[in-house]
Amino acid sequence: LVLTFFQAAAIWLLLKAEFLAITLVLV
C-alpha cells in the first residue's frame, strides 16, 4: 500500500498537482 501511494504521488506530479502529491506522501 505504501508503494501504491508513492506511484499515485508520482502520477500526480506528472499531472502538475504537486500539492496533492506531497500531501499524499506526508499524510
PDB file of all heavy atoms in Angstrom:
ATOM      1  N   LEU A   1       0.831  -1.204   0.000  1.00  0.00           N
ATOM      2  CA  LEU A   1       0.000   0.000   0.000  1.00  0.00           C
ATOM      3  C   LEU A   1       0.870   1.261   0.000  1.00  0.00           C
ATOM      4  O   LEU A   1       0.522   2.264  -0.638  1.00  0.00           O
ATOM      5  CB  LEU A   1      -0.929  -0.012   1.213  1.00  0.00           C
ATOM      6  CG  LEU A   1      -1.999   1.084   1.269  1.00  0.00           C
ATOM      7  CD1 LEU A   1      -2.871   1.053   0.032  1.00  0.00           C
ATOM      8  CD2 LEU A   1      -2.850   0.938   2.524  1.00  0.00           C
ATOM      9  N   VAL A   2       1.993   1.233   0.694  1.00  0.00           N
ATOM     10  CA  VAL A   2       2.939   2.351   0.644  1.00  0.00           C
ATOM     11  C   VAL A   2       3.450   2.551  -0.780  1.00  0.00           C
ATOM     12  O   VAL A   2       3.540   3.677  -1.288  1.00  0.00           O
ATOM     13  CB  VAL A   2       4.106   2.106   1.619  1.00  0.00           C
ATOM     14  CG1 VAL A   2       5.206   3.139   1.427  1.00  0.00           C
ATOM     15  CG2 VAL A   2       3.616   2.134   3.054  1.00  0.00           C
ATOM     16  N   LEU A   3       3.793   1.454  -1.453  1.00  0.00           N
ATOM     17  CA  LEU A   3       4.232   1.543  -2.852  1.00  0.00           C
ATOM     18  C   LEU A   3       3.131   2.113  -3.740  1.00  0.00           C
ATOM     19  O   LEU A   3       3.402   2.906  -4.658  1.00  0.00           O
ATOM     20  CB  LEU A   3       4.656   0.158  -3.334  1.00  0.00           C
ATOM     21  CG  LEU A   3       5.146   0.059  -4.788  1.00  0.00           C
ATOM     22  CD1 LEU A   3       6.364   0.941  -5.015  1.00  0.00           C
ATOM     23  CD2 LEU A   3       5.450  -1.388  -5.147  1.00  0.00           C
ATOM     24  N   THR A   4       1.885   1.737  -3.475  1.00  0.00           N
ATOM     25  CA  THR A   4       0.763   2.280  -4.242  1.00  0.00           C
ATOM     26  C   THR A   4       0.651   3.782  -4.071  1.00  0.00           C
ATOM     27  O   THR A   4       0.442   4.530  -5.042  1.00  0.00           O
ATOM     28  CB  THR A   4      -0.548   1.599  -3.795  1.00  0.00           C
ATOM     29  OG1 THR A   4      -0.409   0.192  -3.923  1.00  0.00           O
ATOM     30  CG2 THR A   4      -1.713   2.075  -4.629  1.00  0.00           C
ATOM     31  N   PHE A   5       0.796   4.260  -2.845  1.00  0.00           N
ATOM     32  CA  PHE A   5       0.729   5.699  -2.598  1.00  0.00           C
ATOM     33  C   PHE A   5       1.852   6.450  -3.311  1.00  0.00           C
ATOM     34  O   PHE A   5       1.648   7.543  -3.855  1.00  0.00           O
ATOM     35  CB  PHE A   5       0.782   5.971  -1.097  1.00  0.00           C
ATOM     36  CG  PHE A   5      -0.480   5.599  -0.374  1.00  0.00           C
ATOM     37  CD1 PHE A   5      -0.442   5.213   0.964  1.00  0.00           C
ATOM     38  CD2 PHE A   5      -1.706   5.638  -1.005  1.00  0.00           C
ATOM     39  CE1 PHE A   5      -1.603   4.866   1.635  1.00  0.00           C
ATOM     40  CE2 PHE A   5      -2.873   5.285  -0.339  1.00  0.00           C
ATOM     41  CZ  PHE A   5      -2.816   4.911   0.985  1.00  0.00           C
ATOM     42  N   PHE A   6       3.039   5.887  -3.317  1.00  0.00           N
ATOM     43  CA  PHE A   6       4.158   6.537  -3.988  1.00  0.00           C
ATOM     44  C   PHE A   6       3.911   6.629  -5.500  1.00  0.00           C
ATOM     45  O   PHE A   6       4.214   7.656  -6.125  1.00  0.00           O
ATOM     46  CB  PHE A   6       5.452   5.786  -3.706  1.00  0.00           C
ATOM     47  CG  PHE A   6       6.152   6.238  -2.456  1.00  0.00           C
ATOM     48  CD1 PHE A   6       6.274   5.386  -1.365  1.00  0.00           C
ATOM     49  CD2 PHE A   6       6.685   7.517  -2.360  1.00  0.00           C
ATOM     50  CE1 PHE A   6       6.909   5.796  -0.206  1.00  0.00           C
ATOM     51  CE2 PHE A   6       7.320   7.935  -1.203  1.00  0.00           C
ATOM     52  CZ  PHE A   6       7.438   7.072  -0.126  1.00  0.00           C
ATOM     53  N   GLN A   7       3.383   5.575  -6.093  1.00  0.00           N
ATOM     54  CA  GLN A   7       3.104   5.611  -7.525  1.00  0.00           C
ATOM     55  C   GLN A   7       2.003   6.621  -7.848  1.00  0.00           C
ATOM     56  O   GLN A   7       2.083   7.335  -8.864  1.00  0.00           O
ATOM     57  CB  GLN A   7       2.700   4.217  -8.018  1.00  0.00           C
ATOM     58  CG  GLN A   7       3.742   3.149  -7.777  1.00  0.00           C
ATOM     59  CD  GLN A   7       5.098   3.515  -8.333  1.00  0.00           C
ATOM     60  OE1 GLN A   7       5.223   3.902  -9.491  1.00  0.00           O
ATOM     61  NE2 GLN A   7       6.130   3.386  -7.511  1.00  0.00           N
ATOM     62  N   ALA A   8       0.982   6.703  -6.993  1.00  0.00           N
ATOM     63  CA  ALA A   8      -0.072   7.701  -7.206  1.00  0.00           C
ATOM     64  C   ALA A   8       0.486   9.117  -7.077  1.00  0.00           C
ATOM     65  O   ALA A   8       0.112  10.016  -7.849  1.00  0.00           O
ATOM     66  CB  ALA A   8      -1.210   7.476  -6.211  1.00  0.00           C
ATOM     67  N   ALA A   9       1.391   9.327  -6.128  1.00  0.00           N
ATOM     68  CA  ALA A   9       2.020  10.642  -5.989  1.00  0.00           C
ATOM     69  C   ALA A   9       2.862  10.993  -7.214  1.00  0.00           C
ATOM     70  O   ALA A   9       2.874  12.140  -7.670  1.00  0.00           O
ATOM     71  CB  ALA A   9       2.878  10.678  -4.723  1.00  0.00           C
ATOM     72  N   ALA A  10       3.550   9.994  -7.774  1.00  0.00           N
ATOM     73  CA  ALA A  10       4.337  10.245  -8.983  1.00  0.00           C
ATOM     74  C   ALA A  10       3.439  10.617 -10.159  1.00  0.00           C
ATOM     75  O   ALA A  10       3.769  11.508 -10.958  1.00  0.00           O
ATOM     76  CB  ALA A  10       5.175   9.017  -9.307  1.00  0.00           C
ATOM     77  N   ILE A  11       2.282   9.962 -10.270  1.00  0.00           N
ATOM     78  CA  ILE A  11       1.344  10.307 -11.347  1.00  0.00           C
ATOM     79  C   ILE A  11       0.807  11.715 -11.159  1.00  0.00           C
ATOM     80  O   ILE A  11       0.651  12.486 -12.124  1.00  0.00           O
ATOM     81  CB  ILE A  11       0.205   9.273 -11.402  1.00  0.00           C
ATOM     82  CG1 ILE A  11       0.751   7.917 -11.862  1.00  0.00           C
ATOM     83  CG2 ILE A  11      -0.906   9.724 -12.340  1.00  0.00           C
ATOM     84  CD1 ILE A  11      -0.276   6.805 -11.850  1.00  0.00           C
ATOM     85  N   TRP A  12       0.532  12.100  -9.935  1.00  0.00           N
ATOM     86  CA  TRP A  12       0.074  13.464  -9.686  1.00  0.00           C
ATOM     87  C   TRP A  12       1.154  14.490 -10.005  1.00  0.00           C
ATOM     88  O   TRP A  12       0.848  15.599 -10.447  1.00  0.00           O
ATOM     89  CB  TRP A  12      -0.382  13.595  -8.238  1.00  0.00           C
ATOM     90  CG  TRP A  12      -1.768  13.072  -8.033  1.00  0.00           C
ATOM     91  CD1 TRP A  12      -2.658  12.715  -9.001  1.00  0.00           C
ATOM     92  CD2 TRP A  12      -2.417  12.838  -6.790  1.00  0.00           C
ATOM     93  NE1 TRP A  12      -3.820  12.260  -8.436  1.00  0.00           N
ATOM     94  CE2 TRP A  12      -3.705  12.335  -7.083  1.00  0.00           C
ATOM     95  CE3 TRP A  12      -2.046  12.991  -5.472  1.00  0.00           C
ATOM     96  CZ2 TRP A  12      -4.611  11.991  -6.098  1.00  0.00           C
ATOM     97  CZ3 TRP A  12      -2.952  12.650  -4.480  1.00  0.00           C
ATOM     98  CH2 TRP A  12      -4.212  12.166  -4.795  1.00  0.00           C
ATOM     99  N   LEU A  13       2.400  14.138  -9.776  1.00  0.00           N
ATOM    100  CA  LEU A  13       3.479  15.041 -10.173  1.00  0.00           C
ATOM    101  C   LEU A  13       3.521  15.218 -11.685  1.00  0.00           C
ATOM    102  O   LEU A  13       3.779  16.326 -12.183  1.00  0.00           O
ATOM    103  CB  LEU A  13       4.819  14.505  -9.666  1.00  0.00           C
ATOM    104  CG  LEU A  13       5.093  14.650  -8.166  1.00  0.00           C
ATOM    105  CD1 LEU A  13       6.409  13.973  -7.804  1.00  0.00           C
ATOM    106  CD2 LEU A  13       5.127  16.126  -7.758  1.00  0.00           C
ATOM    107  N   LEU A  14       3.284  14.145 -12.433  1.00  0.00           N
ATOM    108  CA  LEU A  14       3.231  14.266 -13.884  1.00  0.00           C
ATOM    109  C   LEU A  14       2.062  15.140 -14.337  1.00  0.00           C
ATOM    110  O   LEU A  14       2.147  15.828 -15.361  1.00  0.00           O
ATOM    111  CB  LEU A  14       3.108  12.883 -14.531  1.00  0.00           C
ATOM    112  CG  LEU A  14       4.332  11.960 -14.401  1.00  0.00           C
ATOM    113  CD1 LEU A  14       4.036  10.606 -15.025  1.00  0.00           C
ATOM    114  CD2 LEU A  14       5.554  12.589 -15.057  1.00  0.00           C
ATOM    115  N   LEU A  15       0.984  15.115 -13.566  1.00  0.00           N
ATOM    116  CA  LEU A  15      -0.181  15.946 -13.889  1.00  0.00           C
ATOM    117  C   LEU A  15      -0.066  17.362 -13.328  1.00  0.00           C
ATOM    118  O   LEU A  15      -1.040  18.123 -13.361  1.00  0.00           O
ATOM    119  CB  LEU A  15      -1.452  15.283 -13.351  1.00  0.00           C
ATOM    120  CG  LEU A  15      -1.797  13.914 -13.943  1.00  0.00           C
ATOM    121  CD1 LEU A  15      -3.019  13.326 -13.265  1.00  0.00           C
ATOM    122  CD2 LEU A  15      -2.034  14.026 -15.446  1.00  0.00           C
ATOM    123  N   LYS A  16       1.111  17.714 -12.781  1.00  0.00           N
ATOM    124  CA  LYS A  16       1.390  19.040 -12.225  1.00  0.00           C
ATOM    125  C   LYS A  16       0.502  19.357 -11.024  1.00  0.00           C
ATOM    126  O   LYS A  16       0.100  20.508 -10.828  1.00  0.00           O
ATOM    127  CB  LYS A  16       1.242  20.123 -13.296  1.00  0.00           C
ATOM    128  CG  LYS A  16       2.251  19.979 -14.436  1.00  0.00           C
ATOM    129  CD  LYS A  16       2.100  21.097 -15.460  1.00  0.00           C
ATOM    130  CE  LYS A  16       3.126  20.940 -16.574  1.00  0.00           C
ATOM    131  NZ  LYS A  16       3.007  22.025 -17.584  1.00  0.00           N
ATOM    132  N   ALA A  17       0.187  18.348 -10.246  1.00  0.00           N
ATOM    133  CA  ALA A  17      -0.538  18.530  -8.981  1.00  0.00           C
ATOM    134  C   ALA A  17       0.435  18.267  -7.842  1.00  0.00           C
ATOM    135  O   ALA A  17       0.342  17.262  -7.132  1.00  0.00           O
ATOM    136  CB  ALA A  17      -1.749  17.610  -8.914  1.00  0.00           C
ATOM    137  N   GLU A  18       1.391  19.167  -7.681  1.00  0.00           N
ATOM    138  CA  GLU A  18       2.468  18.955  -6.719  1.00  0.00           C
ATOM    139  C   GLU A  18       1.967  18.943  -5.282  1.00  0.00           C
ATOM    140  O   GLU A  18       2.437  18.164  -4.451  1.00  0.00           O
ATOM    141  CB  GLU A  18       3.546  20.041  -6.878  1.00  0.00           C
ATOM    142  CG  GLU A  18       4.219  20.067  -8.235  1.00  0.00           C
ATOM    143  CD  GLU A  18       3.452  20.911  -9.225  1.00  0.00           C
ATOM    144  OE1 GLU A  18       2.416  21.481  -8.829  1.00  0.00           O
ATOM    145  OE2 GLU A  18       3.881  20.990 -10.393  1.00  0.00           O
ATOM    146  N   PHE A  19       0.998  19.791  -4.995  1.00  0.00           N
ATOM    147  CA  PHE A  19       0.492  19.874  -3.621  1.00  0.00           C
ATOM    148  C   PHE A  19      -0.174  18.566  -3.204  1.00  0.00           C
ATOM    149  O   PHE A  19       0.051  18.060  -2.093  1.00  0.00           O
ATOM    150  CB  PHE A  19      -0.496  21.035  -3.508  1.00  0.00           C
ATOM    151  CG  PHE A  19      -1.117  21.167  -2.145  1.00  0.00           C
ATOM    152  CD1 PHE A  19      -0.406  21.719  -1.096  1.00  0.00           C
ATOM    153  CD2 PHE A  19      -2.407  20.727  -1.914  1.00  0.00           C
ATOM    154  CE1 PHE A  19      -0.974  21.836   0.156  1.00  0.00           C
ATOM    155  CE2 PHE A  19      -2.982  20.835  -0.663  1.00  0.00           C
ATOM    156  CZ  PHE A  19      -2.253  21.393   0.377  1.00  0.00           C
ATOM    157  N   LEU A  20      -0.993  18.005  -4.083  1.00  0.00           N
ATOM    158  CA  LEU A  20      -1.650  16.742  -3.751  1.00  0.00           C
ATOM    159  C   LEU A  20      -0.640  15.609  -3.611  1.00  0.00           C
ATOM    160  O   LEU A  20      -0.789  14.740  -2.747  1.00  0.00           O
ATOM    161  CB  LEU A  20      -2.678  16.399  -4.831  1.00  0.00           C
ATOM    162  CG  LEU A  20      -3.875  17.345  -4.954  1.00  0.00           C
ATOM    163  CD1 LEU A  20      -4.767  16.912  -6.102  1.00  0.00           C
ATOM    164  CD2 LEU A  20      -4.667  17.397  -3.663  1.00  0.00           C
ATOM    165  N   ALA A  21       0.392  15.603  -4.450  1.00  0.00           N
ATOM    166  CA  ALA A  21       1.408  14.549  -4.367  1.00  0.00           C
ATOM    167  C   ALA A  21       2.166  14.619  -3.044  1.00  0.00           C
ATOM    168  O   ALA A  21       2.366  13.605  -2.367  1.00  0.00           O
ATOM    169  CB  ALA A  21       2.367  14.671  -5.549  1.00  0.00           C
ATOM    170  N   ILE A  22       2.577  15.822  -2.653  1.00  0.00           N
ATOM    171  CA  ILE A  22       3.312  15.972  -1.394  1.00  0.00           C
ATOM    172  C   ILE A  22       2.414  15.649  -0.205  1.00  0.00           C
ATOM    173  O   ILE A  22       2.840  15.007   0.763  1.00  0.00           O
ATOM    174  CB  ILE A  22       3.879  17.399  -1.289  1.00  0.00           C
ATOM    175  CG1 ILE A  22       4.917  17.627  -2.393  1.00  0.00           C
ATOM    176  CG2 ILE A  22       4.503  17.641   0.078  1.00  0.00           C
ATOM    177  CD1 ILE A  22       5.439  19.039  -2.454  1.00  0.00           C
ATOM    178  N   THR A  23       1.145  16.056  -0.277  1.00  0.00           N
ATOM    179  CA  THR A  23       0.211  15.758   0.809  1.00  0.00           C
ATOM    180  C   THR A  23      -0.006  14.251   0.947  1.00  0.00           C
ATOM    181  O   THR A  23      -0.070  13.720   2.063  1.00  0.00           O
ATOM    182  CB  THR A  23      -1.133  16.455   0.554  1.00  0.00           C
ATOM    183  OG1 THR A  23      -0.914  17.850   0.406  1.00  0.00           O
ATOM    184  CG2 THR A  23      -2.091  16.212   1.706  1.00  0.00           C
ATOM    185  N   LEU A  24      -0.101  13.553  -0.170  1.00  0.00           N
ATOM    186  CA  LEU A  24      -0.288  12.102  -0.130  1.00  0.00           C
ATOM    187  C   LEU A  24       0.905  11.408   0.535  1.00  0.00           C
ATOM    188  O   LEU A  24       0.734  10.517   1.369  1.00  0.00           O
ATOM    189  CB  LEU A  24      -0.487  11.565  -1.540  1.00  0.00           C
ATOM    190  CG  LEU A  24      -0.656  10.054  -1.684  1.00  0.00           C
ATOM    191  CD1 LEU A  24      -1.919   9.600  -0.968  1.00  0.00           C
ATOM    192  CD2 LEU A  24      -0.700   9.644  -3.137  1.00  0.00           C
ATOM    193  N   VAL A  25       2.111  11.846   0.186  1.00  0.00           N
ATOM    194  CA  VAL A  25       3.301  11.218   0.757  1.00  0.00           C
ATOM    195  C   VAL A  25       3.434  11.546   2.237  1.00  0.00           C
ATOM    196  O   VAL A  25       3.706  10.662   3.065  1.00  0.00           O
ATOM    197  CB  VAL A  25       4.554  11.662  -0.023  1.00  0.00           C
ATOM    198  CG1 VAL A  25       5.818  11.167   0.667  1.00  0.00           C
ATOM    199  CG2 VAL A  25       4.499  11.140  -1.454  1.00  0.00           C
ATOM    200  N   LEU A  26       3.217  12.799   2.615  1.00  0.00           N
ATOM    201  CA  LEU A  26       3.423  13.203   4.007  1.00  0.00           C
ATOM    202  C   LEU A  26       2.344  12.640   4.929  1.00  0.00           C
ATOM    203  O   LEU A  26       2.642  12.139   6.020  1.00  0.00           O
ATOM    204  CB  LEU A  26       3.456  14.727   4.112  1.00  0.00           C
ATOM    205  CG  LEU A  26       4.639  15.432   3.463  1.00  0.00           C
ATOM    206  CD1 LEU A  26       4.533  16.942   3.642  1.00  0.00           C
ATOM    207  CD2 LEU A  26       5.955  14.928   4.038  1.00  0.00           C
ATOM    208  N   VAL A  27       1.092  12.720   4.504  1.00  0.00           N
ATOM    209  CA  VAL A  27      -0.010  12.334   5.388  1.00  0.00           C
ATOM    210  C   VAL A  27      -0.183  10.815   5.417  1.00  0.00           C
ATOM    211  O   VAL A  27      -0.153  10.184   6.484  1.00  0.00           O
ATOM    212  CB  VAL A  27      -1.316  13.025   4.952  1.00  0.00           C
ATOM    213  CG1 VAL A  27      -2.487  12.532   5.797  1.00  0.00           C
ATOM    214  CG2 VAL A  27      -1.174  14.530   5.077  1.00  0.00           C
TER     215      VAL A  27
END
